[in-house]
C-alpha atoms as a PDB file:
ATOM      1  CA  MET A   1      61.135  28.543 147.199  1.00  0.00           C
ATOM      2  CA  PRO A   2      63.814  26.860 149.389  1.00  0.00           C
ATOM      3  CA  GLU A   3      66.100  29.235 151.281  1.00  0.00           C
ATOM      4  CA  LYS A   4      69.581  29.717 149.837  1.00  0.00           C
ATOM      5  CA  ILE A   5      72.655  31.929 150.039  1.00  0.00           C
ATOM      6  CA  TYR A   6      72.605  34.972 147.762  1.00  0.00           C
ATOM      7  CA  VAL A   7      75.987  36.462 146.838  1.00  0.00           C
ATOM      8  CA  ILE A   8      75.755  40.100 145.700  1.00  0.00           C
ATOM      9  CA  HIS A   9      78.761  41.328 143.684  1.00  0.00           C
ATOM     10  CA  GLU A  10      80.028  42.908 140.447  1.00  0.00           C
ATOM     11  CA  ASN A  11      83.260  40.997 139.791  1.00  0.00           C
ATOM     12  CA  GLU A  12      83.200  37.326 138.787  1.00  0.00           C
ATOM     13  CA  GLU A  13      86.959  36.942 139.310  1.00  0.00           C
ATOM     14  CA  TRP A  14      86.502  37.703 143.019  1.00  0.00           C
ATOM     15  CA  THR A  15      83.670  35.209 143.592  1.00  0.00           C
ATOM     16  CA  THR A  16      85.139  32.133 141.868  1.00  0.00           C
ATOM     17  CA  HIS A  17      86.854  30.840 144.999  1.00  0.00           C
ATOM     18  CA  LEU A  18      83.820  31.457 147.202  1.00  0.00           C
ATOM     19  CA  PHE A  19      81.512  29.592 144.799  1.00  0.00           C
ATOM     20  CA  LYS A  20      84.014  26.742 144.702  1.00  0.00           C
ATOM     21  CA  ARG A  21      83.909  26.452 148.496  1.00  0.00           C
ATOM     22  CA  LEU A  22      80.108  26.683 148.574  1.00  0.00           C
ATOM     23  CA  ASN A  23      79.970  23.846 146.050  1.00  0.00           C
ATOM     24  CA  GLU A  24      82.415  21.782 148.104  1.00  0.00           C
ATOM     25  CA  LEU A  25      80.136  22.145 151.131  1.00  0.00           C
ATOM     26  CA  ASN A  26      77.021  21.378 149.027  1.00  0.00           C
ATOM     27  CA  LEU A  27      75.434  24.674 150.027  1.00  0.00           C
ATOM     28  CA  PRO A  28      72.631  26.108 147.861  1.00  0.00           C
ATOM     29  CA  TYR A  29      73.440  29.562 146.528  1.00  0.00           C
ATOM     30  CA  GLU A  30      72.526  32.034 143.825  1.00  0.00           C
ATOM     31  CA  ASP A  31      74.839  34.408 141.998  1.00  0.00           C
ATOM     32  CA  TRP A  32      73.441  37.959 142.117  1.00  0.00           C
ATOM     33  CA  PHE A  33      75.665  39.888 139.724  1.00  0.00           C
ATOM     34  CA  ILE A  34      74.805  43.562 140.198  1.00  0.00           C
ATOM     35  CA  ASP A  35      75.587  46.184 137.582  1.00  0.00           C
ATOM     36  CA  GLU A  36      72.481  47.288 135.753  1.00  0.00           C
ATOM     37  CA  GLY A  37      69.153  46.043 137.054  1.00  0.00           C
ATOM     38  CA  LEU A  38      66.044  46.910 139.014  1.00  0.00           C
ATOM     39  CA  VAL A  39      64.821  46.677 142.586  1.00  0.00           C
ATOM     40  CA  ASP A  40      61.039  46.433 142.787  1.00  0.00           C
ATOM     41  CA  LEU A  41      60.202  48.098 146.096  1.00  0.00           C
ATOM     42  CA  ASN A  42      56.604  46.888 145.794  1.00  0.00           C
ATOM     43  CA  GLU A  43      57.604  43.231 146.095  1.00  0.00           C
ATOM     44  CA  ALA A  44      59.060  41.236 148.980  1.00  0.00           C
ATOM     45  CA  PRO A  45      62.516  39.675 148.500  1.00  0.00           C
ATOM     46  CA  PRO A  46      63.015  35.899 148.654  1.00  0.00           C
ATOM     47  CA  GLU A  47      63.887  34.217 151.943  1.00  0.00           C
ATOM     48  CA  GLY A  48      67.538  33.385 152.490  1.00  0.00           C
ATOM     49  CA  VAL A  49      70.939  34.631 153.572  1.00  0.00           C
ATOM     50  CA  PHE A  50      72.290  37.609 151.641  1.00  0.00           C
ATOM     51  CA  TYR A  51      75.988  38.450 151.499  1.00  0.00           C
ATOM     52  CA  SER A  52      77.284  41.569 149.758  1.00  0.00           C
ATOM     53  CA  ARG A  53      80.716  41.711 148.134  1.00  0.00           C
ATOM     54  CA  MET A  54      80.161  45.047 146.437  1.00  0.00           C
ATOM     55  CA  SER A  55      83.431  46.862 145.777  1.00  0.00           C
ATOM     56  CA  ALA A  56      84.501  50.493 145.871  1.00  0.00           C
ATOM     57  CA  SER A  57      86.601  49.870 142.735  1.00  0.00           C
ATOM     58  CA  SER A  58      83.623  48.716 140.612  1.00  0.00           C
ATOM     59  CA  HIS A  59      83.973  51.728 138.315  1.00  0.00           C
ATOM     60  CA  THR A  60      87.370  50.429 137.144  1.00  0.00           C
ATOM     61  CA  ARG A  61      85.516  47.462 135.641  1.00  0.00           C
ATOM     62  CA  GLY A  62      82.869  49.559 133.890  1.00  0.00           C
ATOM     63  CA  HIS A  63      80.303  49.207 136.704  1.00  0.00           C
ATOM     64  CA  ARG A  64      80.092  52.852 137.703  1.00  0.00           C
ATOM     65  CA  PHE A  65      76.786  52.770 139.559  1.00  0.00           C
ATOM     66  CA  ALA A  66      76.850  49.210 140.893  1.00  0.00           C
ATOM     67  CA  PRO A  67      77.401  50.436 144.504  1.00  0.00           C
ATOM     68  CA  GLU A  68      74.444  52.812 144.267  1.00  0.00           C
ATOM     69  CA  LEU A  69      72.166  50.084 142.932  1.00  0.00           C
ATOM     70  CA  THR A  70      73.467  47.695 145.577  1.00  0.00           C
ATOM     71  CA  GLU A  71      72.633  50.174 148.328  1.00  0.00           C
ATOM     72  CA  SER A  72      69.047  50.276 147.060  1.00  0.00           C
ATOM     73  CA  LEU A  73      68.984  46.485 147.087  1.00  0.00           C
ATOM     74  CA  LEU A  74      70.441  46.201 150.592  1.00  0.00           C
ATOM     75  CA  VAL A  75      68.072  48.785 152.084  1.00  0.00           C
ATOM     76  CA  TRP A  76      65.164  46.849 150.515  1.00  0.00           C
ATOM     77  CA  LEU A  77      66.405  43.572 152.011  1.00  0.00           C
ATOM     78  CA  GLU A  78      66.957  45.144 155.419  1.00  0.00           C
ATOM     79  CA  HIS A  79      63.501  46.756 155.386  1.00  0.00           C
ATOM     80  CA  HIS A  80      61.980  43.308 154.955  1.00  0.00           C
ATOM     81  CA  GLY A  81      64.034  41.876 157.809  1.00  0.00           C
ATOM     82  CA  ARG A  82      66.160  39.564 155.692  1.00  0.00           C
ATOM     83  CA  THR A  83      69.444  38.165 157.017  1.00  0.00           C
ATOM     84  CA  VAL A  84      72.058  40.422 155.403  1.00  0.00           C
ATOM     85  CA  PHE A  85      75.821  40.285 155.894  1.00  0.00           C
ATOM     86  CA  ASN A  86      77.891  43.353 154.996  1.00  0.00           C
ATOM     87  CA  GLY A  87      74.737  45.362 154.510  1.00  0.00           C
ATOM     88  CA  SER A  88      74.095  49.035 153.834  1.00  0.00           C
ATOM     89  CA  ARG A  89      76.257  50.330 156.707  1.00  0.00           C
ATOM     90  CA  ALA A  90      79.226  48.238 155.551  1.00  0.00           C
ATOM     91  CA  LEU A  91      78.744  49.476 151.994  1.00  0.00           C
ATOM     92  CA  ARG A  92      78.783  53.117 153.108  1.00  0.00           C
ATOM     93  CA  LEU A  93      82.147  52.519 154.734  1.00  0.00           C
ATOM     94  CA  GLU A  94      83.417  50.550 151.724  1.00  0.00           C
ATOM     95  CA  VAL A  95      82.843  53.441 149.308  1.00  0.00           C
ATOM     96  CA  SER A  96      84.163  56.258 151.526  1.00  0.00           C
ATOM     97  CA  LYS A  97      87.447  56.371 153.368  1.00  0.00           C
ATOM     98  CA  VAL A  98      86.224  59.482 155.190  1.00  0.00           C
ATOM     99  CA  ASN A  99      83.364  57.396 156.616  1.00  0.00           C
ATOM    100  CA  GLN A 100      85.865  54.655 157.460  1.00  0.00           C
ATOM    101  CA  TYR A 101      88.211  56.937 159.355  1.00  0.00           C
ATOM    102  CA  MET A 102      85.455  58.634 161.329  1.00  0.00           C
ATOM    103  CA  ALA A 103      84.020  55.238 162.307  1.00  0.00           C
ATOM    104  CA  LEU A 104      87.485  53.944 163.261  1.00  0.00           C
ATOM    105  CA  ASN A 105      88.170  57.048 165.352  1.00  0.00           C
ATOM    106  CA  ALA A 106      84.791  56.684 167.063  1.00  0.00           C
ATOM    107  CA  ALA A 107      85.894  53.169 168.071  1.00  0.00           C
ATOM    108  CA  GLY A 108      89.136  54.503 169.552  1.00  0.00           C
ATOM    109  CA  ILE A 109      91.305  53.348 166.649  1.00  0.00           C
ATOM    110  CA  GLN A 110      94.082  55.672 165.440  1.00  0.00           C
ATOM    111  CA  THR A 111      94.245  56.641 161.755  1.00  0.00           C
ATOM    112  CA  PRO A 112      96.809  58.784 159.906  1.00  0.00           C
ATOM    113  CA  LYS A 113      96.188  62.535 159.799  1.00  0.00           C
ATOM    114  CA  THR A 114      93.949  63.111 156.793  1.00  0.00           C
ATOM    115  CA  ILE A 115      92.362  66.043 154.935  1.00  0.00           C
ATOM    116  CA  ALA A 116      89.502  65.497 152.464  1.00  0.00           C
ATOM    117  CA  VAL A 117      89.597  67.759 149.416  1.00  0.00           C
ATOM    118  CA  ASN A 118      87.510  68.642 146.370  1.00  0.00           C
ATOM    119  CA  GLY A 119      89.332  70.695 143.734  1.00  0.00           C
ATOM    120  CA  GLN A 120      92.887  70.552 142.439  1.00  0.00           C
ATOM    121  CA  GLU A 121      93.889  73.901 143.930  1.00  0.00           C
ATOM    122  CA  GLN A 122      92.523  72.730 147.284  1.00  0.00           C
ATOM    123  CA  ILE A 123      94.744  69.631 147.131  1.00  0.00           C
ATOM    124  CA  LEU A 124      97.817  71.862 147.203  1.00  0.00           C
ATOM    125  CA  LYS A 125      96.370  73.936 150.042  1.00  0.00           C
ATOM    126  CA  ALA A 126      95.607  70.790 152.026  1.00  0.00           C
ATOM    127  CA  ALA A 127      99.146  69.474 151.623  1.00  0.00           C
ATOM    128  CA  GLU A 128     100.538  72.800 152.745  1.00  0.00           C
ATOM    129  CA  LYS A 129      98.222  72.792 155.756  1.00  0.00           C
ATOM    130  CA  MET A 130      99.245  69.216 156.620  1.00  0.00           C
ATOM    131  CA  GLY A 131     102.750  70.542 157.296  1.00  0.00           C
ATOM    132  CA  VAL A 132     104.545  67.181 157.178  1.00  0.00           C
ATOM    133  CA  PRO A 133     107.707  66.337 155.194  1.00  0.00           C
ATOM    134  CA  SER A 134     106.116  63.423 153.305  1.00  0.00           C
ATOM    135  CA  PHE A 135     102.496  62.705 152.461  1.00  0.00           C
ATOM    136  CA  ILE A 136     100.384  60.599 150.149  1.00  0.00           C
ATOM    137  CA  THR A 137      97.316  61.194 148.016  1.00  0.00           C
ATOM    138  CA  LYS A 138      94.564  58.625 147.703  1.00  0.00           C
ATOM    139  CA  HIS A 139      91.017  58.412 146.441  1.00  0.00           C
ATOM    140  CA  ASN A 140      88.122  58.570 148.888  1.00  0.00           C
ATOM    141  CA  ARG A 141      86.297  55.873 146.900  1.00  0.00           C
ATOM    142  CA  ALA A 142      89.146  53.614 146.061  1.00  0.00           C
ATOM    143  CA  GLY A 143      90.084  49.944 146.369  1.00  0.00           C
ATOM    144  CA  LYS A 144      93.160  48.363 144.748  1.00  0.00           C
ATOM    145  CA  GLY A 145      95.343  51.262 145.871  1.00  0.00           C
ATOM    146  CA  LEU A 146      93.641  53.698 143.492  1.00  0.00           C
ATOM    147  CA  GLY A 147      95.199  57.135 143.404  1.00  0.00           C
ATOM    148  CA  VAL A 148      97.807  56.302 146.036  1.00  0.00           C
ATOM    149  CA  ARG A 149     100.993  58.271 145.425  1.00  0.00           C
ATOM    150  CA  LEU A 150     103.815  59.286 147.726  1.00  0.00           C
ATOM    151  CA  PHE A 151     105.274  62.811 147.695  1.00  0.00           C
ATOM    152  CA  HIS A 152     108.220  64.284 149.552  1.00  0.00           C
ATOM    153  CA  SER A 153     107.613  67.925 148.597  1.00  0.00           C
ATOM    154  CA  LEU A 154     104.888  70.379 147.690  1.00  0.00           C
ATOM    155  CA  GLU A 155     106.659  70.989 144.371  1.00  0.00           C
ATOM    156  CA  ALA A 156     106.351  67.321 143.382  1.00  0.00           C
ATOM    157  CA  LEU A 157     102.657  67.324 144.298  1.00  0.00           C
ATOM    158  CA  LYS A 158     102.036  70.512 142.287  1.00  0.00           C
ATOM    159  CA  GLU A 159     103.687  68.955 139.229  1.00  0.00           C
ATOM    160  CA  TYR A 160     101.459  65.881 139.581  1.00  0.00           C
ATOM    161  CA  VAL A 161      98.211  67.742 140.208  1.00  0.00           C
ATOM    162  CA  GLU A 162      98.749  70.099 137.278  1.00  0.00           C
ATOM    163  CA  GLY A 163     100.062  67.384 134.959  1.00  0.00           C
ATOM    164  CA  SER A 164      98.419  64.863 132.654  1.00  0.00           C
ATOM    165  CA  GLU A 165      98.902  61.927 135.031  1.00  0.00           C
ATOM    166  CA  PHE A 166      96.595  63.301 137.716  1.00  0.00           C
ATOM    167  CA  GLU A 167      93.840  60.825 138.583  1.00  0.00           C
ATOM    168  CA  PRO A 168      90.691  62.314 140.135  1.00  0.00           C
ATOM    169  CA  SER A 169      88.663  60.184 142.508  1.00  0.00           C
ATOM    170  CA  ILE A 170      85.415  58.897 141.027  1.00  0.00           C
ATOM    171  CA  ASP A 171      83.488  60.759 143.772  1.00  0.00           C
ATOM    172  CA  GLY A 172      85.578  63.922 143.402  1.00  0.00           C
ATOM    173  CA  ILE A 173      87.131  63.623 146.875  1.00  0.00           C
ATOM    174  CA  THR A 174      90.906  63.296 147.119  1.00  0.00           C
ATOM    175  CA  LEU A 175      92.560  62.603 150.461  1.00  0.00           C
ATOM    176  CA  ILE A 176      95.843  64.121 151.591  1.00  0.00           C
ATOM    177  CA  GLN A 177      97.332  61.917 154.274  1.00  0.00           C
ATOM    178  CA  GLU A 178     100.464  61.944 156.378  1.00  0.00           C
ATOM    179  CA  TYR A 179     102.979  59.304 155.317  1.00  0.00           C
ATOM    180  CA  ILE A 180     103.716  56.809 158.072  1.00  0.00           C
ATOM    181  CA  GLN A 181     107.318  55.672 157.755  1.00  0.00           C
ATOM    182  CA  ALA A 182     107.637  52.022 158.750  1.00  0.00           C
ATOM    183  CA  PRO A 183     110.987  50.580 159.905  1.00  0.00           C
ATOM    184  CA  GLU A 184     110.554  47.812 157.300  1.00  0.00           C
ATOM    185  CA  PRO A 185     108.584  47.981 154.023  1.00  0.00           C
ATOM    186  CA  PHE A 186     105.459  46.055 154.918  1.00  0.00           C
ATOM    187  CA  ILE A 187     101.926  46.490 156.200  1.00  0.00           C
ATOM    188  CA  THR A 188      99.714  44.071 158.099  1.00  0.00           C
ATOM    189  CA  ARG A 189      96.260  43.008 156.997  1.00  0.00           C
ATOM    190  CA  CYS A 190      93.922  41.320 159.491  1.00  0.00           C
ATOM    191  CA  GLU A 191      91.132  39.135 158.124  1.00  0.00           C
ATOM    192  CA  PHE A 192      87.781  38.697 159.870  1.00  0.00           C
ATOM    193  CA  VAL A 193      84.868  36.380 159.100  1.00  0.00           C
ATOM    194  CA  GLY A 194      81.660  36.534 161.099  1.00  0.00           C
ATOM    195  CA  GLY A 195      83.202  39.485 162.907  1.00  0.00           C
ATOM    196  CA  LYS A 196      85.929  37.239 164.352  1.00  0.00           C
ATOM    197  CA  PHE A 197      89.661  37.242 163.625  1.00  0.00           C
ATOM    198  CA  VAL A 198      90.833  34.517 161.218  1.00  0.00           C
ATOM    199  CA  TYR A 199      94.462  35.374 160.455  1.00  0.00           C
ATOM    200  CA  ALA A 200      96.857  38.235 159.714  1.00  0.00           C
ATOM    201  CA  VAL A 201      98.966  38.545 156.593  1.00  0.00           C
ATOM    202  CA  GLN A 202     102.137  40.552 156.110  1.00  0.00           C
ATOM    203  CA  VAL A 203     102.226  42.401 152.787  1.00  0.00           C
ATOM    204  CA  ASP A 204     105.500  43.547 151.235  1.00  0.00           C
ATOM    205  CA  THR A 205     105.108  47.160 150.045  1.00  0.00           C
ATOM    206  CA  SER A 206     108.591  47.605 148.593  1.00  0.00           C
ATOM    207  CA  GLU A 207     107.219  47.494 145.037  1.00  0.00           C
ATOM    208  CA  GLY A 208     104.404  49.990 145.568  1.00  0.00           C
ATOM    209  CA  PHE A 209     100.867  50.367 146.869  1.00  0.00           C
ATOM    210  CA  GLU A 210      98.933  47.829 144.764  1.00  0.00           C
ATOM    211  CA  LEU A 211      97.959  45.732 147.779  1.00  0.00           C
ATOM    212  CA  CYS A 212      94.943  43.710 146.595  1.00  0.00           C
ATOM    213  CA  PRO A 213      95.668  40.106 147.611  1.00  0.00           C
ATOM    214  CA  ALA A 214      93.403  38.489 145.009  1.00  0.00           C
ATOM    215  CA  ASP A 215      95.042  36.194 142.476  1.00  0.00           C
ATOM    216  CA  ALA A 216      93.902  38.477 139.648  1.00  0.00           C
ATOM    217  CA  CYS A 217      95.763  41.407 141.235  1.00  0.00           C
ATOM    218  CA  ARG A 218      98.973  39.501 141.975  1.00  0.00           C
ATOM    219  CA  ILE A 219     102.154  41.154 140.769  1.00  0.00           C
ATOM    220  CA  ASP A 220     104.242  38.700 138.731  1.00  0.00           C
ATOM    221  CA  ASP A 221     107.768  37.783 139.785  1.00  0.00           C
ATOM    222  CA  LEU A 222     110.207  40.573 139.022  1.00  0.00           C
ATOM    223  CA  PHE A 223     112.706  40.018 136.251  1.00  0.00           C
ATOM    224  CA  CYS A 224     115.924  38.471 137.496  1.00  0.00           C
ATOM    225  CA  PRO A 225     119.064  39.047 135.339  1.00  0.00           C
ATOM    226  CA  VAL A 226     120.768  35.874 134.179  1.00  0.00           C
ATOM    227  CA  GLY A 227     123.595  34.792 136.456  1.00  0.00           C
ATOM    228  CA  GLU A 228     122.225  36.491 139.562  1.00  0.00           C
ATOM    229  CA  GLU A 229     120.484  34.516 142.267  1.00  0.00           C
ATOM    230  CA  VAL A 230     118.079  36.252 144.602  1.00  0.00           C
ATOM    231  CA  GLU A 231     116.031  34.781 147.401  1.00  0.00           C
ATOM    232  CA  GLU A 232     112.396  34.896 146.380  1.00  0.00           C
ATOM    233  CA  LYS A 233     110.353  36.746 148.965  1.00  0.00           C
ATOM    234  CA  PRO A 234     106.590  36.301 148.684  1.00  0.00           C
ATOM    235  CA  LYS A 235     104.561  39.486 148.609  1.00  0.00           C
ATOM    236  CA  PHE A 236     101.939  38.001 150.960  1.00  0.00           C
ATOM    237  CA  GLN A 237     102.780  35.871 154.012  1.00  0.00           C
ATOM    238  CA  VAL A 238     100.371  34.660 156.696  1.00  0.00           C
ATOM    239  CA  ILE A 239     101.757  35.540 160.143  1.00  0.00           C
ATOM    240  CA  GLN A 240     101.637  32.456 162.338  1.00  0.00           C
ATOM    241  CA  GLY A 241     100.310  33.082 165.851  1.00  0.00           C
ATOM    242  CA  PHE A 242      99.604  36.781 165.326  1.00  0.00           C
ATOM    243  CA  ASP A 243      98.148  38.377 168.443  1.00  0.00           C
ATOM    244  CA  ASP A 244      97.842  42.039 169.369  1.00  0.00           C
ATOM    245  CA  PRO A 245      95.471  44.151 171.517  1.00  0.00           C
ATOM    246  CA  ILE A 246      94.342  45.893 168.304  1.00  0.00           C
ATOM    247  CA  LEU A 247      92.358  42.773 167.369  1.00  0.00           C
ATOM    248  CA  LYS A 248      89.850  43.316 170.182  1.00  0.00           C
ATOM    249  CA  LYS A 249      89.405  46.911 169.044  1.00  0.00           C
ATOM    250  CA  TYR A 250      88.880  45.760 165.455  1.00  0.00           C
ATOM    251  CA  GLU A 251      86.274  43.177 166.454  1.00  0.00           C
ATOM    252  CA  ALA A 252      84.415  45.787 168.517  1.00  0.00           C
ATOM    253  CA  PHE A 253      84.580  48.212 165.576  1.00  0.00           C
ATOM    254  CA  LEU A 254      83.162  45.598 163.192  1.00  0.00           C
ATOM    255  CA  GLN A 255      80.310  44.760 165.550  1.00  0.00           C
ATOM    256  CA  ARG A 256      79.546  48.431 166.108  1.00  0.00           C
ATOM    257  CA  ASN A 257      79.271  49.050 162.355  1.00  0.00           C
ATOM    258  CA  ASP A 258      77.459  45.828 161.419  1.00  0.00           C
ATOM    259  CA  ILE A 259      80.379  44.549 159.329  1.00  0.00           C
ATOM    260  CA  ASN A 260      80.663  40.762 159.211  1.00  0.00           C
ATOM    261  CA  VAL A 261      83.480  40.129 156.738  1.00  0.00           C
ATOM    262  CA  ALA A 262      86.468  42.448 156.304  1.00  0.00           C
ATOM    263  CA  GLY A 263      90.177  42.884 155.865  1.00  0.00           C
ATOM    264  CA  ILE A 264      91.624  45.712 157.981  1.00  0.00           C
ATOM    265  CA  GLU A 265      95.070  47.098 157.152  1.00  0.00           C
ATOM    266  CA  PHE A 266      97.495  48.853 159.458  1.00  0.00           C
ATOM    267  CA  ILE A 267     101.090  50.048 159.540  1.00  0.00           C
ATOM    268  CA  ARG A 268     103.470  50.564 162.464  1.00  0.00           C
ATOM    269  CA  ASN A 269     105.817  53.514 162.720  1.00  0.00           C
ATOM    270  CA  ALA A 270     109.334  53.377 164.159  1.00  0.00           C
ATOM    271  CA  ALA A 271     107.947  53.753 167.690  1.00  0.00           C
ATOM    272  CA  GLY A 272     105.686  50.753 167.213  1.00  0.00           C
ATOM    273  CA  ASP A 273     102.457  52.777 167.104  1.00  0.00           C
ATOM    274  CA  ILE A 274      99.689  51.317 164.952  1.00  0.00           C
ATOM    275  CA  PHE A 275      97.935  53.447 162.329  1.00  0.00           C
ATOM    276  CA  THR A 276      94.898  51.864 160.675  1.00  0.00           C
ATOM    277  CA  TYR A 277      94.284  53.180 157.169  1.00  0.00           C
ATOM    278  CA  ASP A 278      91.921  50.827 155.307  1.00  0.00           C
ATOM    279  CA  VAL A 279      88.840  48.726 155.965  1.00  0.00           C
ATOM    280  CA  ASN A 280      88.024  46.461 153.018  1.00  0.00           C
ATOM    281  CA  THR A 281      84.553  44.961 153.304  1.00  0.00           C
ATOM    282  CA  ASN A 282      85.040  43.198 149.976  1.00  0.00           C
ATOM    283  CA  THR A 283      88.095  41.317 151.189  1.00  0.00           C
ATOM    284  CA  ASN A 284      90.038  38.855 149.048  1.00  0.00           C
ATOM    285  CA  TYR A 285      92.604  36.247 150.006  1.00  0.00           C
ATOM    286  CA  ASN A 286      95.931  35.273 148.476  1.00  0.00           C
ATOM    287  CA  ALA A 287      95.998  31.614 147.442  1.00  0.00           C
ATOM    288  CA  ASP A 288      99.771  31.129 147.770  1.00  0.00           C
ATOM    289  CA  ALA A 289      99.910  32.650 151.260  1.00  0.00           C
ATOM    290  CA  GLU A 290      96.949  30.583 152.412  1.00  0.00           C
ATOM    291  CA  ALA A 291      98.329  27.336 151.001  1.00  0.00           C
ATOM    292  CA  GLY A 292     101.603  27.944 152.820  1.00  0.00           C
ATOM    293  CA  ALA A 293      99.801  28.480 156.123  1.00  0.00           C
ATOM    294  CA  GLY A 294      96.989  25.971 155.719  1.00  0.00           C
ATOM    295  CA  LYS A 295      94.376  28.633 156.432  1.00  0.00           C
ATOM    296  CA  TYR A 296      91.642  29.479 153.930  1.00  0.00           C
ATOM    297  CA  GLY A 297      89.523  32.611 154.187  1.00  0.00           C
ATOM    298  CA  MET A 298      86.924  31.647 151.575  1.00  0.00           C
ATOM    299  CA  LEU A 299      86.430  28.257 153.223  1.00  0.00           C
ATOM    300  CA  GLU A 300      85.816  29.947 156.572  1.00  0.00           C
ATOM    301  CA  LEU A 301      83.422  32.360 154.868  1.00  0.00           C
ATOM    302  CA  ALA A 302      81.512  29.535 153.151  1.00  0.00           C
ATOM    303  CA  LYS A 303      81.233  27.682 156.472  1.00  0.00           C
ATOM    304  CA  PHE A 304      79.967  30.843 158.164  1.00  0.00           C
ATOM    305  CA  LEU A 305      77.308  31.465 155.501  1.00  0.00           C
ATOM    306  CA  GLY A 306      76.308  27.790 155.621  1.00  0.00           C
ATOM    307  CA  GLN A 307      75.857  27.901 159.384  1.00  0.00           C
ATOM    308  CA  GLU A 308      73.760  31.054 159.130  1.00  0.00           C
ATOM    309  CA  LEU A 309      71.590  29.423 156.451  1.00  0.00           C
ATOM    310  CA  LYS A 310      71.125  26.390 158.696  1.00  0.00           C
ATOM    311  CA  SER A 311      70.101  28.642 161.581  1.00  0.00           C
ATOM    312  CA  LEU A 312      67.639  30.493 159.354  1.00  0.00           C
ATOM    313  CA  LYS A 313      65.997  27.247 158.221  1.00  0.00           C
ATOM    314  CA  GLN A 314      65.574  26.153 161.833  1.00  0.00           C
ATOM    315  CA  THR A 315      63.709  29.348 162.703  1.00  0.00           C
ATOM    316  CA  VAL A 316      61.504  29.606 159.618  1.00  0.00           C
END
């Protein structure tokens, strides 16, 4: 069987643009949609290049155990020496922010103060122990800003935790994290393909924490009352010429953890200090922002996978 690119995922909406680019480049590929299925450990996998786009938010689409099945698949591929991008190590970081933060810290990258908690009563104790005026909750296995809420008092947190709107994390672990106050309401997301920096995008956070840049997650234009004119400000904007010492640290972190494709998000406080709070190994790109800048993440990714397939064919 001729070698090809295998794309492992559980969300068709997030692979459409990649498949389009692979088609444009006339690259052979196969769609490996992973939800239910089997991994026969007695057989050898096909030859090819394998790229995982498994997401921590799969359970929100009814694919509760897709990450667990994908880990079995990736370990099988790695055991047989296949060329795997965003393999089992990347997946472990994708589905656990605790793993992310410990790996970031080990690479000398600063993260916000965080306490991991299991149990609603423990959430309140953790917030009290944090001892900061404002803090947020978030899910350990998250994606799409799941469970992210901002609180300015223990009383407000108690009302949430004991109320009907409380959302438990799918893995039972809730994070209490210090709130980093930025001078302006935006965060920065740095995109990497092949472990190398591609571009940075500024994301407006004034409307909340739903920060997924995919077209399917885009927040529609806010209602504008008749007779009032407001300057439209895009939620996602590619930053031209972005350069910062943090990029070298990020690239070293990605190499150290065998992550090939990722979006890494950070926020600056009033003093200009960078706090990194999310590593997304299932990164998406915003079409409007890319069109405005003339830079295309999925195209770069397709080129990268194509080059790796070419290299594999030359060695087989």
